């Protein structure tokens, strides 16, 4: 009888430890950092102007999640220059959001174009990853490295932890065996790293798709939006497929 009681106590302890370790819901704060000088090297901007600007553009983003859904949205600002300029070099304007319902294979992107909000609904893109052996600690969590490719030729480096149950990440990245806490896209001189993880903090009521904005529901709606999106850009010969990639973000 004592052996049975001892076994049950040990089993309960193991279950409690597992519940404490694996986080089913909470909030993650990401710091996004863009090397502006590197990203503008071939822009034609005078060298004097480049030297006067800050080297890095930084901003905070919140990733709120439970076991099936997430909402990625702007957090507290960390750089006043983040949204005052450089419009053509970053999609990260303050009103942009990504709502993802993993159980329904659905996402809703809220994009700000010419001060108007647009709502784009589509399926979650499938990303192919190669898991590596490298380990890195991010925000107190042991993370494993993975390599992926977007837009056919752009390499992405990610670090994920299996201690957070949802298989998501910032900017719509997903598909690894856990939560992505670190991300780098060298070609775009951009990184995202978690600075804080509030495990078990209840923000689930906030995980809802945006509903204020112009819905983009047909191919004709998308064509009109792309025309508006590229209206004042110098490269009028750019293919719409490339403009569409920039509109949707890193995971089309």
C-alpha atoms as a PDB file:
ATOM      1  CA  UNK A   1       0.000   0.000   0.000  1.00  0.00           C
ATOM      2  CA  UNK A   2       2.844   2.363   0.885  1.00  0.00           C
ATOM      3  CA  UNK A   3       4.442   1.626  -2.468  1.00  0.00           C
ATOM      4  CA  UNK A   4       1.219   2.555  -4.261  1.00  0.00           C
ATOM      5  CA  UNK A   5       0.930   5.808  -2.306  1.00  0.00           C
ATOM      6  CA  UNK A   6       4.565   6.635  -2.997  1.00  0.00           C
ATOM      7  CA  UNK A   7       4.060   5.952  -6.700  1.00  0.00           C
ATOM      8  CA  UNK A   8       0.971   8.192  -6.831  1.00  0.00           C
ATOM      9  CA  UNK A   9       2.788  11.028  -5.044  1.00  0.00           C
ATOM     10  CA  UNK A  10       5.740  10.779  -7.432  1.00  0.00           C
ATOM     11  CA  UNK A  11       3.397  10.649 -10.429  1.00  0.00           C
ATOM     12  CA  UNK A  12       1.535  13.757  -9.248  1.00  0.00           C
ATOM     13  CA  UNK A  13       4.824  15.595  -8.715  1.00  0.00           C
ATOM     14  CA  UNK A  14       5.972  14.724 -12.222  1.00  0.00           C
ATOM     15  CA  UNK A  15       2.651  15.927 -13.667  1.00  0.00           C
ATOM     16  CA  UNK A  16       2.901  19.201 -11.757  1.00  0.00           C
ATOM     17  CA  UNK A  17       6.470  19.747 -12.910  1.00  0.00           C
ATOM     18  CA  UNK A  18       5.413  19.087 -16.506  1.00  0.00           C
ATOM     19  CA  UNK A  19       2.543  21.568 -16.179  1.00  0.00           C
ATOM     20  CA  UNK A  20       4.926  24.188 -14.811  1.00  0.00           C
ATOM     21  CA  UNK A  21       7.453  23.561 -17.560  1.00  0.00           C
ATOM     22  CA  UNK A  22       5.249  23.468 -20.644  1.00  0.00           C
ATOM     23  CA  UNK A  23       3.524  26.819 -21.146  1.00  0.00           C
ATOM     24  CA  UNK A  24       0.070  26.583 -22.797  1.00  0.00           C
ATOM     25  CA  UNK A  25      -0.701  30.328 -22.915  1.00  0.00           C
ATOM     26  CA  UNK A  26       0.864  33.685 -22.152  1.00  0.00           C
ATOM     27  CA  UNK A  27       2.549  36.708 -23.680  1.00  0.00           C
ATOM     28  CA  UNK A  28       5.972  37.155 -25.294  1.00  0.00           C
ATOM     29  CA  UNK A  29       7.670  40.506 -25.900  1.00  0.00           C
ATOM     30  CA  UNK A  30       9.898  40.644 -28.983  1.00  0.00           C
ATOM     31  CA  UNK A  31      12.436  43.303 -29.886  1.00  0.00           C
ATOM     32  CA  UNK A  32      12.723  43.832 -33.607  1.00  0.00           C
ATOM     33  CA  UNK A  33      15.938  45.423 -34.839  1.00  0.00           C
ATOM     34  CA  UNK A  34      16.707  46.599 -38.380  1.00  0.00           C
ATOM     35  CA  UNK A  35      20.175  47.735 -39.455  1.00  0.00           C
ATOM     36  CA  UNK A  36      19.098  50.807 -41.410  1.00  0.00           C
ATOM     37  CA  UNK A  37      22.506  51.738 -42.758  1.00  0.00           C
ATOM     38  CA  UNK A  38      23.053  48.291 -44.222  1.00  0.00           C
ATOM     39  CA  UNK A  39      19.518  48.121 -45.626  1.00  0.00           C
ATOM     40  CA  UNK A  40      20.005  51.470 -47.402  1.00  0.00           C
ATOM     41  CA  UNK A  41      23.429  50.730 -48.890  1.00  0.00           C
ATOM     42  CA  UNK A  42      22.089  50.492 -52.451  1.00  0.00           C
ATOM     43  CA  UNK A  43      19.261  52.982 -52.091  1.00  0.00           C
ATOM     44  CA  UNK A  44      21.012  55.953 -53.709  1.00  0.00           C
ATOM     45  CA  UNK A  45      20.717  57.934 -50.471  1.00  0.00           C
ATOM     46  CA  UNK A  46      23.715  60.295 -50.003  1.00  0.00           C
ATOM     47  CA  UNK A  47      26.390  58.926 -47.672  1.00  0.00           C
ATOM     48  CA  UNK A  48      26.128  62.057 -45.523  1.00  0.00           C
ATOM     49  CA  UNK A  49      22.432  61.367 -44.897  1.00  0.00           C
ATOM     50  CA  UNK A  50      23.154  57.732 -44.022  1.00  0.00           C
ATOM     51  CA  UNK A  51      25.774  58.753 -41.467  1.00  0.00           C
ATOM     52  CA  UNK A  52      23.339  61.098 -39.746  1.00  0.00           C
ATOM     53  CA  UNK A  53      20.654  58.468 -39.214  1.00  0.00           C
ATOM     54  CA  UNK A  54      20.645  55.967 -36.388  1.00  0.00           C
ATOM     55  CA  UNK A  55      22.296  52.680 -37.210  1.00  0.00           C
ATOM     56  CA  UNK A  56      19.449  50.573 -35.853  1.00  0.00           C
ATOM     57  CA  UNK A  57      15.688  50.940 -35.963  1.00  0.00           C
ATOM     58  CA  UNK A  58      14.123  49.146 -33.002  1.00  0.00           C
ATOM     59  CA  UNK A  59      10.586  48.392 -31.857  1.00  0.00           C
ATOM     60  CA  UNK A  60       8.774  46.105 -29.435  1.00  0.00           C
ATOM     61  CA  UNK A  61       6.089  43.631 -30.509  1.00  0.00           C
ATOM     62  CA  UNK A  62       3.724  41.525 -28.397  1.00  0.00           C
ATOM     63  CA  UNK A  63       2.895  37.912 -29.190  1.00  0.00           C
ATOM     64  CA  UNK A  64      -0.177  36.796 -27.228  1.00  0.00           C
ATOM     65  CA  UNK A  65      -1.057  33.110 -27.489  1.00  0.00           C
ATOM     66  CA  UNK A  66      -2.887  30.057 -26.216  1.00  0.00           C
ATOM     67  CA  UNK A  67      -2.665  26.466 -27.493  1.00  0.00           C
ATOM     68  CA  UNK A  68      -4.583  27.181 -30.713  1.00  0.00           C
ATOM     69  CA  UNK A  69      -4.437  30.913 -31.526  1.00  0.00           C
ATOM     70  CA  UNK A  70      -2.092  33.892 -31.453  1.00  0.00           C
ATOM     71  CA  UNK A  71      -2.066  37.634 -32.035  1.00  0.00           C
ATOM     72  CA  UNK A  72       1.103  39.471 -33.039  1.00  0.00           C
ATOM     73  CA  UNK A  73       0.778  43.225 -32.616  1.00  0.00           C
ATOM     74  CA  UNK A  74       2.813  46.368 -31.820  1.00  0.00           C
ATOM     75  CA  UNK A  75       3.950  46.739 -28.221  1.00  0.00           C
ATOM     76  CA  UNK A  76       5.476  49.661 -26.381  1.00  0.00           C
ATOM     77  CA  UNK A  77       7.606  51.855 -28.637  1.00  0.00           C
ATOM     78  CA  UNK A  78      11.338  51.878 -28.012  1.00  0.00           C
ATOM     79  CA  UNK A  79      12.487  54.128 -30.821  1.00  0.00           C
ATOM     80  CA  UNK A  80      10.708  57.350 -31.762  1.00  0.00           C
ATOM     81  CA  UNK A  81      12.145  57.095 -35.268  1.00  0.00           C
ATOM     82  CA  UNK A  82      10.543  53.708 -35.803  1.00  0.00           C
ATOM     83  CA  UNK A  83       7.413  54.968 -37.515  1.00  0.00           C
ATOM     84  CA  UNK A  84       8.309  58.520 -38.537  1.00  0.00           C
ATOM     85  CA  UNK A  85      10.152  57.641 -41.699  1.00  0.00           C
ATOM     86  CA  UNK A  86      11.676  55.002 -43.922  1.00  0.00           C
ATOM     87  CA  UNK A  87       8.193  53.891 -44.998  1.00  0.00           C
ATOM     88  CA  UNK A  88       9.441  51.965 -48.001  1.00  0.00           C
ATOM     89  CA  UNK A  89      11.937  49.939 -46.015  1.00  0.00           C
ATOM     90  CA  UNK A  90       9.659  48.426 -43.390  1.00  0.00           C
ATOM     91  CA  UNK A  91       6.157  47.006 -43.202  1.00  0.00           C
ATOM     92  CA  UNK A  92       6.128  47.327 -39.425  1.00  0.00           C
ATOM     93  CA  UNK A  93       3.825  50.294 -39.050  1.00  0.00           C
ATOM     94  CA  UNK A  94       2.024  50.682 -35.709  1.00  0.00           C
ATOM     95  CA  UNK A  95      -1.340  49.364 -36.873  1.00  0.00           C
ATOM     96  CA  UNK A  96      -0.131  46.123 -38.457  1.00  0.00           C
ATOM     97  CA  UNK A  97      -1.293  42.885 -36.797  1.00  0.00           C
ATOM     98  CA  UNK A  98      -1.339  39.158 -37.528  1.00  0.00           C
ATOM     99  CA  UNK A  99      -4.057  36.960 -36.036  1.00  0.00           C
ATOM    100  CA  UNK A 100      -3.530  33.224 -36.506  1.00  0.00           C
ATOM    101  CA  UNK A 101      -5.895  30.349 -35.762  1.00  0.00           C
ATOM    102  CA  UNK A 102      -3.731  27.239 -36.070  1.00  0.00           C
ATOM    103  CA  UNK A 103      -6.607  24.827 -35.473  1.00  0.00           C
ATOM    104  CA  UNK A 104      -8.499  26.235 -38.476  1.00  0.00           C
ATOM    105  CA  UNK A 105      -5.439  26.915 -40.675  1.00  0.00           C
ATOM    106  CA  UNK A 106      -6.533  30.543 -40.889  1.00  0.00           C
ATOM    107  CA  UNK A 107      -4.890  33.920 -40.454  1.00  0.00           C
ATOM    108  CA  UNK A 108      -6.043  37.535 -40.720  1.00  0.00           C
ATOM    109  CA  UNK A 109      -3.490  40.218 -41.536  1.00  0.00           C
ATOM    110  CA  UNK A 110      -4.214  43.843 -40.765  1.00  0.00           C
ATOM    111  CA  UNK A 111      -2.131  46.114 -42.999  1.00  0.00           C
ATOM    112  CA  UNK A 112      -1.925  49.886 -42.994  1.00  0.00           C
ATOM    113  CA  UNK A 113      -1.617  51.431 -46.469  1.00  0.00           C
ATOM    114  CA  UNK A 114      -1.880  55.183 -46.997  1.00  0.00           C
ATOM    115  CA  UNK A 115      -3.306  55.571 -43.470  1.00  0.00           C
ATOM    116  CA  UNK A 116      -6.162  53.143 -44.151  1.00  0.00           C
ATOM    117  CA  UNK A 117      -6.417  49.670 -42.635  1.00  0.00           C
ATOM    118  CA  UNK A 118      -6.995  46.614 -44.816  1.00  0.00           C
ATOM    119  CA  UNK A 119      -7.886  43.088 -43.695  1.00  0.00           C
ATOM    120  CA  UNK A 120      -6.432  40.176 -45.672  1.00  0.00           C
ATOM    121  CA  UNK A 121      -7.633  36.663 -44.847  1.00  0.00           C
ATOM    122  CA  UNK A 122      -5.843  33.552 -46.059  1.00  0.00           C
ATOM    123  CA  UNK A 123      -4.470  30.182 -44.999  1.00  0.00           C
ATOM    124  CA  UNK A 124      -1.325  29.758 -42.921  1.00  0.00           C
ATOM    125  CA  UNK A 125       1.728  29.397 -45.194  1.00  0.00           C
ATOM    126  CA  UNK A 126       3.747  26.185 -44.890  1.00  0.00           C
ATOM    127  CA  UNK A 127       7.442  26.736 -44.202  1.00  0.00           C
ATOM    128  CA  UNK A 128      10.131  24.086 -44.614  1.00  0.00           C
ATOM    129  CA  UNK A 129      12.794  23.930 -41.890  1.00  0.00           C
ATOM    130  CA  UNK A 130      16.025  22.058 -41.285  1.00  0.00           C
ATOM    131  CA  UNK A 131      16.705  21.583 -37.567  1.00  0.00           C
ATOM    132  CA  UNK A 132      20.326  22.004 -36.496  1.00  0.00           C
ATOM    133  CA  UNK A 133      22.268  20.964 -33.397  1.00  0.00           C
ATOM    134  CA  UNK A 134      23.143  24.475 -32.170  1.00  0.00           C
ATOM    135  CA  UNK A 135      21.650  25.589 -28.845  1.00  0.00           C
ATOM    136  CA  UNK A 136      21.134  29.149 -27.614  1.00  0.00           C
ATOM    137  CA  UNK A 137      19.470  30.560 -24.507  1.00  0.00           C
ATOM    138  CA  UNK A 138      16.891  33.282 -25.215  1.00  0.00           C
ATOM    139  CA  UNK A 139      14.819  34.996 -22.493  1.00  0.00           C
ATOM    140  CA  UNK A 140      15.793  32.189 -20.125  1.00  0.00           C
ATOM    141  CA  UNK A 141      14.734  29.352 -22.447  1.00  0.00           C
ATOM    142  CA  UNK A 142      16.979  26.830 -24.137  1.00  0.00           C
ATOM    143  CA  UNK A 143      16.359  27.103 -27.870  1.00  0.00           C
ATOM    144  CA  UNK A 144      17.435  24.951 -30.791  1.00  0.00           C
ATOM    145  CA  UNK A 145      18.511  26.426 -34.121  1.00  0.00           C
ATOM    146  CA  UNK A 146      16.697  25.839 -37.406  1.00  0.00           C
ATOM    147  CA  UNK A 147      17.247  27.068 -40.966  1.00  0.00           C
ATOM    148  CA  UNK A 148      14.427  27.892 -43.371  1.00  0.00           C
ATOM    149  CA  UNK A 149      13.898  29.544 -46.756  1.00  0.00           C
ATOM    150  CA  UNK A 150      11.266  32.117 -47.752  1.00  0.00           C
ATOM    151  CA  UNK A 151      10.584  33.757 -51.105  1.00  0.00           C
ATOM    152  CA  UNK A 152      12.501  30.897 -52.778  1.00  0.00           C
ATOM    153  CA  UNK A 153      16.017  32.169 -52.001  1.00  0.00           C
ATOM    154  CA  UNK A 154      15.951  34.097 -48.707  1.00  0.00           C
ATOM    155  CA  UNK A 155      17.487  32.235 -45.757  1.00  0.00           C
ATOM    156  CA  UNK A 156      15.971  32.520 -42.287  1.00  0.00           C
ATOM    157  CA  UNK A 157      17.646  31.519 -39.030  1.00  0.00           C
ATOM    158  CA  UNK A 158      15.277  30.645 -36.169  1.00  0.00           C
ATOM    159  CA  UNK A 159      15.656  29.506 -32.559  1.00  0.00           C
ATOM    160  CA  UNK A 160      12.734  27.668 -30.969  1.00  0.00           C
ATOM    161  CA  UNK A 161      11.872  26.214 -27.565  1.00  0.00           C
ATOM    162  CA  UNK A 162       9.694  23.169 -26.941  1.00  0.00           C
ATOM    163  CA  UNK A 163       8.786  24.484 -23.476  1.00  0.00           C
ATOM    164  CA  UNK A 164       6.061  26.632 -25.058  1.00  0.00           C
ATOM    165  CA  UNK A 165       3.408  24.438 -26.615  1.00  0.00           C
ATOM    166  CA  UNK A 166       2.242  26.629 -29.510  1.00  0.00           C
ATOM    167  CA  UNK A 167       4.288  26.137 -32.671  1.00  0.00           C
ATOM    168  CA  UNK A 168       4.243  29.781 -33.735  1.00  0.00           C
ATOM    169  CA  UNK A 169       6.510  32.794 -33.851  1.00  0.00           C
ATOM    170  CA  UNK A 170       6.838  36.496 -34.732  1.00  0.00           C
ATOM    171  CA  UNK A 171       5.790  37.884 -38.137  1.00  0.00           C
ATOM    172  CA  UNK A 172       3.766  34.760 -38.914  1.00  0.00           C
ATOM    173  CA  UNK A 173       6.684  32.323 -38.814  1.00  0.00           C
ATOM    174  CA  UNK A 174       5.698  28.838 -37.638  1.00  0.00           C
ATOM    175  CA  UNK A 175       6.088  25.126 -38.271  1.00  0.00           C
ATOM    176  CA  UNK A 176       8.844  24.203 -35.805  1.00  0.00           C
ATOM    177  CA  UNK A 177       8.369  21.830 -32.820  1.00  0.00           C
ATOM    178  CA  UNK A 178       7.801  24.747 -30.456  1.00  0.00           C
ATOM    179  CA  UNK A 179       7.703  28.519 -30.144  1.00  0.00           C
ATOM    180  CA  UNK A 180      10.209  30.626 -32.087  1.00  0.00           C
ATOM    181  CA  UNK A 181      11.919  33.020 -29.649  1.00  0.00           C
ATOM    182  CA  UNK A 182      14.695  34.188 -31.946  1.00  0.00           C
ATOM    183  CA  UNK A 183      14.683  35.005 -35.651  1.00  0.00           C
ATOM    184  CA  UNK A 184      17.137  36.546 -38.118  1.00  0.00           C
ATOM    185  CA  UNK A 185      16.875  37.303 -41.841  1.00  0.00           C
ATOM    186  CA  UNK A 186      20.404  38.346 -42.898  1.00  0.00           C
ATOM    187  CA  UNK A 187      19.394  39.546 -46.376  1.00  0.00           C
ATOM    188  CA  UNK A 188      16.939  42.004 -44.819  1.00  0.00           C
ATOM    189  CA  UNK A 189      19.354  42.947 -41.987  1.00  0.00           C
ATOM    190  CA  UNK A 190      16.569  42.257 -39.497  1.00  0.00           C
ATOM    191  CA  UNK A 191      16.335  40.294 -36.246  1.00  0.00           C
ATOM    192  CA  UNK A 192      13.588  39.473 -33.733  1.00  0.00           C
ATOM    193  CA  UNK A 193      14.460  38.235 -30.247  1.00  0.00           C
ATOM    194  CA  UNK A 194      12.226  37.604 -27.259  1.00  0.00           C
ATOM    195  CA  UNK A 195      13.153  39.830 -24.332  1.00  0.00           C
ATOM    196  CA  UNK A 196      10.455  38.614 -21.933  1.00  0.00           C
ATOM    197  CA  UNK A 197       8.138  35.621 -21.624  1.00  0.00           C
ATOM    198  CA  UNK A 198       5.102  35.951 -19.359  1.00  0.00           C
ATOM    199  CA  UNK A 199       4.085  32.322 -19.119  1.00  0.00           C
ATOM    200  CA  UNK A 200       0.597  31.537 -17.841  1.00  0.00           C
ATOM    201  CA  UNK A 201      -0.415  35.234 -17.999  1.00  0.00           C
ATOM    202  CA  UNK A 202      -4.011  35.357 -19.174  1.00  0.00           C
ATOM    203  CA  UNK A 203      -4.452  37.582 -22.239  1.00  0.00           C
ATOM    204  CA  UNK A 204      -6.638  35.111 -24.093  1.00  0.00           C
ATOM    205  CA  UNK A 205      -9.534  37.564 -24.385  1.00  0.00           C
ATOM    206  CA  UNK A 206      -7.296  39.748 -26.588  1.00  0.00           C
ATOM    207  CA  UNK A 207      -6.624  36.993 -29.133  1.00  0.00           C
ATOM    208  CA  UNK A 208      -9.218  38.050 -31.689  1.00  0.00           C
ATOM    209  CA  UNK A 209      -8.870  39.022 -35.358  1.00  0.00           C
ATOM    210  CA  UNK A 210      -9.010  42.675 -36.347  1.00  0.00           C
ATOM    211  CA  UNK A 211     -12.450  43.718 -37.622  1.00  0.00           C
ATOM    212  CA  UNK A 212     -11.961  47.411 -38.326  1.00  0.00           C
ATOM    213  CA  UNK A 213     -10.700  47.888 -41.828  1.00  0.00           C
ATOM    214  CA  UNK A 214     -11.486  47.380 -45.493  1.00  0.00           C
ATOM    215  CA  UNK A 215     -11.823  43.682 -46.286  1.00  0.00           C
ATOM    216  CA  UNK A 216      -9.781  42.340 -49.195  1.00  0.00           C
ATOM    217  CA  UNK A 217     -11.891  39.390 -50.296  1.00  0.00           C
ATOM    218  CA  UNK A 218     -11.453  39.046 -54.064  1.00  0.00           C
ATOM    219  CA  UNK A 219      -8.589  39.108 -56.545  1.00  0.00           C
ATOM    220  CA  UNK A 220      -9.929  42.425 -57.806  1.00  0.00           C
ATOM    221  CA  UNK A 221      -9.788  43.866 -54.283  1.00  0.00           C
ATOM    222  CA  UNK A 222      -6.178  42.716 -53.994  1.00  0.00           C
ATOM    223  CA  UNK A 223      -5.238  44.268 -57.335  1.00  0.00           C
ATOM    224  CA  UNK A 224      -6.653  47.621 -56.239  1.00  0.00           C
ATOM    225  CA  UNK A 225      -4.764  47.411 -52.953  1.00  0.00           C
ATOM    226  CA  UNK A 226      -1.487  46.540 -54.702  1.00  0.00           C
ATOM    227  CA  UNK A 227      -1.959  49.463 -57.071  1.00  0.00           C
ATOM    228  CA  UNK A 228      -2.411  51.771 -54.085  1.00  0.00           C
ATOM    229  CA  UNK A 229       0.487  50.141 -52.242  1.00  0.00           C
ATOM    230  CA  UNK A 230       2.928  50.861 -55.096  1.00  0.00           C
ATOM    231  CA  UNK A 231       1.462  54.170 -56.306  1.00  0.00           C
ATOM    232  CA  UNK A 232       4.240  56.463 -55.094  1.00  0.00           C
ATOM    233  CA  UNK A 233       7.177  54.115 -55.448  1.00  0.00           C
ATOM    234  CA  UNK A 234       9.869  54.792 -58.039  1.00  0.00           C
ATOM    235  CA  UNK A 235      10.105  51.230 -59.360  1.00  0.00           C
ATOM    236  CA  UNK A 236       6.956  51.017 -61.436  1.00  0.00           C
ATOM    237  CA  UNK A 237       8.291  47.998 -63.326  1.00  0.00           C
ATOM    238  CA  UNK A 238       8.238  45.840 -60.230  1.00  0.00           C
ATOM    239  CA  UNK A 239       6.174  42.724 -60.736  1.00  0.00           C
ATOM    240  CA  UNK A 240       3.004  42.614 -58.663  1.00  0.00           C
ATOM    241  CA  UNK A 241       4.057  39.288 -57.228  1.00  0.00           C
ATOM    242  CA  UNK A 242       7.044  41.014 -55.620  1.00  0.00           C
ATOM    243  CA  UNK A 243       4.837  43.842 -54.342  1.00  0.00           C
ATOM    244  CA  UNK A 244       2.443  41.242 -52.954  1.00  0.00           C
ATOM    245  CA  UNK A 245       5.304  39.658 -50.990  1.00  0.00           C
ATOM    246  CA  UNK A 246       6.132  43.014 -49.427  1.00  0.00           C
ATOM    247  CA  UNK A 247       2.487  43.699 -48.636  1.00  0.00           C
ATOM    248  CA  UNK A 248       1.912  40.375 -46.931  1.00  0.00           C
ATOM    249  CA  UNK A 249       5.223  40.460 -45.125  1.00  0.00           C
ATOM    250  CA  UNK A 250       7.872  37.805 -44.713  1.00  0.00           C
ATOM    251  CA  UNK A 251       5.555  34.794 -44.847  1.00  0.00           C
ATOM    252  CA  UNK A 252       3.354  35.017 -47.926  1.00  0.00           C
END
